[in-house]
């Protein structure tokens, strides 16, 4: 069984040979897990980071995550405003 969670792409960045997709969780409170074989928008991920919101900071957006793409060449497939699904394979 798969666990699918929806995100909206905020931006992308490449640093030190790694490509990241910064995306906002569309259903706050959803459980986000990235296990081996997880994909974002159909592209395989290596890992993710939950970016904590700074309380009281004007303009701060919550529920922002950074996803590291396994293949940096997949970065151009993500554009600001795209809606993408995180698919995590279920554990048998």
C-alpha atoms as a PDB file:
ATOM      1  CA  UNK A   1       0.000   0.000   0.000  1.00  0.00           C
ATOM      2  CA  UNK A   2       1.302   3.472  -0.921  1.00  0.00           C
ATOM      3  CA  UNK A   3       1.062   6.596   1.211  1.00  0.00           C
ATOM      4  CA  UNK A   4       0.614   9.642  -1.078  1.00  0.00           C
ATOM      5  CA  UNK A   5       1.010  13.240   0.140  1.00  0.00           C
ATOM      6  CA  UNK A   6       0.474  16.390  -1.983  1.00  0.00           C
ATOM      7  CA  UNK A   7       2.935  19.300  -2.166  1.00  0.00           C
ATOM      8  CA  UNK A   8       3.316  22.552  -4.085  1.00  0.00           C
ATOM      9  CA  UNK A   9       6.781  23.359  -5.433  1.00  0.00           C
ATOM     10  CA  UNK A  10       8.186  26.614  -4.041  1.00  0.00           C
ATOM     11  CA  UNK A  11      11.589  26.492  -5.767  1.00  0.00           C
ATOM     12  CA  UNK A  12      14.546  24.313  -6.677  1.00  0.00           C
ATOM     13  CA  UNK A  13      18.253  24.665  -5.988  1.00  0.00           C
ATOM     14  CA  UNK A  14      21.430  22.795  -6.862  1.00  0.00           C
ATOM     15  CA  UNK A  15      24.409  22.850  -4.548  1.00  0.00           C
ATOM     16  CA  UNK A  16      27.509  20.676  -4.223  1.00  0.00           C
ATOM     17  CA  UNK A  17      26.230  18.416  -7.015  1.00  0.00           C
ATOM     18  CA  UNK A  18      22.882  17.741  -5.310  1.00  0.00           C
ATOM     19  CA  UNK A  19      19.509  19.002  -6.547  1.00  0.00           C
ATOM     20  CA  UNK A  20      16.791  19.940  -4.061  1.00  0.00           C
ATOM     21  CA  UNK A  21      13.091  20.672  -4.475  1.00  0.00           C
ATOM     22  CA  UNK A  22      11.638  22.996  -1.839  1.00  0.00           C
ATOM     23  CA  UNK A  23       7.950  22.225  -1.524  1.00  0.00           C
ATOM     24  CA  UNK A  24       5.064  23.222   0.753  1.00  0.00           C
ATOM     25  CA  UNK A  25       2.820  20.554   2.246  1.00  0.00           C
ATOM     26  CA  UNK A  26      -0.725  21.100   0.918  1.00  0.00           C
ATOM     27  CA  UNK A  27      -2.453  19.223   3.745  1.00  0.00           C
ATOM     28  CA  UNK A  28      -0.845  20.497   6.960  1.00  0.00           C
ATOM     29  CA  UNK A  29      -0.665  17.798   9.569  1.00  0.00           C
ATOM     30  CA  UNK A  30      -0.186  14.968   7.070  1.00  0.00           C
ATOM     31  CA  UNK A  31       2.512  12.495   8.048  1.00  0.00           C
ATOM     32  CA  UNK A  32       5.545  12.820   5.769  1.00  0.00           C
ATOM     33  CA  UNK A  33       7.964   9.903   5.443  1.00  0.00           C
ATOM     34  CA  UNK A  34      10.594   9.251   2.813  1.00  0.00           C
ATOM     35  CA  UNK A  35      11.592   5.599   2.695  1.00  0.00           C
ATOM     36  CA  UNK A  36      13.764   3.871   0.086  1.00  0.00           C
ATOM     37  CA  UNK A  37      12.032   3.994  -3.285  1.00  0.00           C
ATOM     38  CA  UNK A  38      10.028   7.156  -2.485  1.00  0.00           C
ATOM     39  CA  UNK A  39       9.311   9.498  -5.382  1.00  0.00           C
ATOM     40  CA  UNK A  40       8.245  13.133  -5.739  1.00  0.00           C
ATOM     41  CA  UNK A  41       6.320  13.790  -8.920  1.00  0.00           C
ATOM     42  CA  UNK A  42       7.560  10.432 -10.188  1.00  0.00           C
ATOM     43  CA  UNK A  43      11.271  11.170  -9.584  1.00  0.00           C
ATOM     44  CA  UNK A  44      13.286   9.114  -7.074  1.00  0.00           C
ATOM     45  CA  UNK A  45      14.435  10.815  -3.866  1.00  0.00           C
ATOM     46  CA  UNK A  46      17.472  10.304  -1.668  1.00  0.00           C
ATOM     47  CA  UNK A  47      16.255  12.139   1.436  1.00  0.00           C
ATOM     48  CA  UNK A  48      14.238  15.051   2.777  1.00  0.00           C
ATOM     49  CA  UNK A  49      14.479  17.759   5.426  1.00  0.00           C
ATOM     50  CA  UNK A  50      11.560  19.326   7.292  1.00  0.00           C
ATOM     51  CA  UNK A  51      12.280  23.057   7.463  1.00  0.00           C
ATOM     52  CA  UNK A  52      10.868  24.326  10.759  1.00  0.00           C
ATOM     53  CA  UNK A  53       8.853  27.545  10.814  1.00  0.00           C
ATOM     54  CA  UNK A  54      10.323  30.377  12.848  1.00  0.00           C
ATOM     55  CA  UNK A  55       7.529  31.398  15.180  1.00  0.00           C
ATOM     56  CA  UNK A  56       6.537  35.015  14.899  1.00  0.00           C
ATOM     57  CA  UNK A  57       8.628  35.732  11.808  1.00  0.00           C
ATOM     58  CA  UNK A  58       6.638  37.927   9.389  1.00  0.00           C
ATOM     59  CA  UNK A  59       5.941  36.185   6.097  1.00  0.00           C
ATOM     60  CA  UNK A  60       7.245  32.826   7.370  1.00  0.00           C
ATOM     61  CA  UNK A  61       5.623  29.867   5.624  1.00  0.00           C
ATOM     62  CA  UNK A  62       5.073  26.646   7.510  1.00  0.00           C
ATOM     63  CA  UNK A  63       5.155  23.052   6.344  1.00  0.00           C
ATOM     64  CA  UNK A  64       8.100  23.554   3.990  1.00  0.00           C
ATOM     65  CA  UNK A  65      10.245  20.554   3.043  1.00  0.00           C
ATOM     66  CA  UNK A  66      13.483  20.145   1.068  1.00  0.00           C
ATOM     67  CA  UNK A  67      13.639  16.967  -1.009  1.00  0.00           C
ATOM     68  CA  UNK A  68      16.986  15.779  -2.397  1.00  0.00           C
ATOM     69  CA  UNK A  69      16.581  14.245  -5.834  1.00  0.00           C
ATOM     70  CA  UNK A  70      18.632  11.118  -6.522  1.00  0.00           C
ATOM     71  CA  UNK A  71      19.457  12.453 -10.009  1.00  0.00           C
ATOM     72  CA  UNK A  72      20.324  16.160 -10.175  1.00  0.00           C
ATOM     73  CA  UNK A  73      19.304  16.174 -13.856  1.00  0.00           C
ATOM     74  CA  UNK A  74      15.667  15.798 -12.726  1.00  0.00           C
ATOM     75  CA  UNK A  75      15.652  19.302 -11.209  1.00  0.00           C
ATOM     76  CA  UNK A  76      14.352  21.074 -14.375  1.00  0.00           C
ATOM     77  CA  UNK A  77      11.226  18.879 -14.239  1.00  0.00           C
ATOM     78  CA  UNK A  78      10.021  20.908 -11.207  1.00  0.00           C
ATOM     79  CA  UNK A  79       8.707  24.467 -11.553  1.00  0.00           C
ATOM     80  CA  UNK A  80       7.368  26.937  -8.992  1.00  0.00           C
ATOM     81  CA  UNK A  81       3.664  26.322  -8.427  1.00  0.00           C
ATOM     82  CA  UNK A  82       3.672  22.711  -9.663  1.00  0.00           C
ATOM     83  CA  UNK A  83       1.530  20.349  -7.619  1.00  0.00           C
ATOM     84  CA  UNK A  84       3.401  17.104  -7.013  1.00  0.00           C
ATOM     85  CA  UNK A  85       2.704  13.901  -5.105  1.00  0.00           C
ATOM     86  CA  UNK A  86       5.139  12.281  -2.691  1.00  0.00           C
ATOM     87  CA  UNK A  87       4.678   8.536  -3.101  1.00  0.00           C
ATOM     88  CA  UNK A  88       6.139   6.295  -0.458  1.00  0.00           C
ATOM     89  CA  UNK A  89       6.078   2.547  -1.044  1.00  0.00           C
ATOM     90  CA  UNK A  90       4.249   0.680   1.692  1.00  0.00           C
ATOM     91  CA  UNK A  91       6.004  -1.790   3.899  1.00  0.00           C
ATOM     92  CA  UNK A  92       4.973  -5.382   3.212  1.00  0.00           C
END
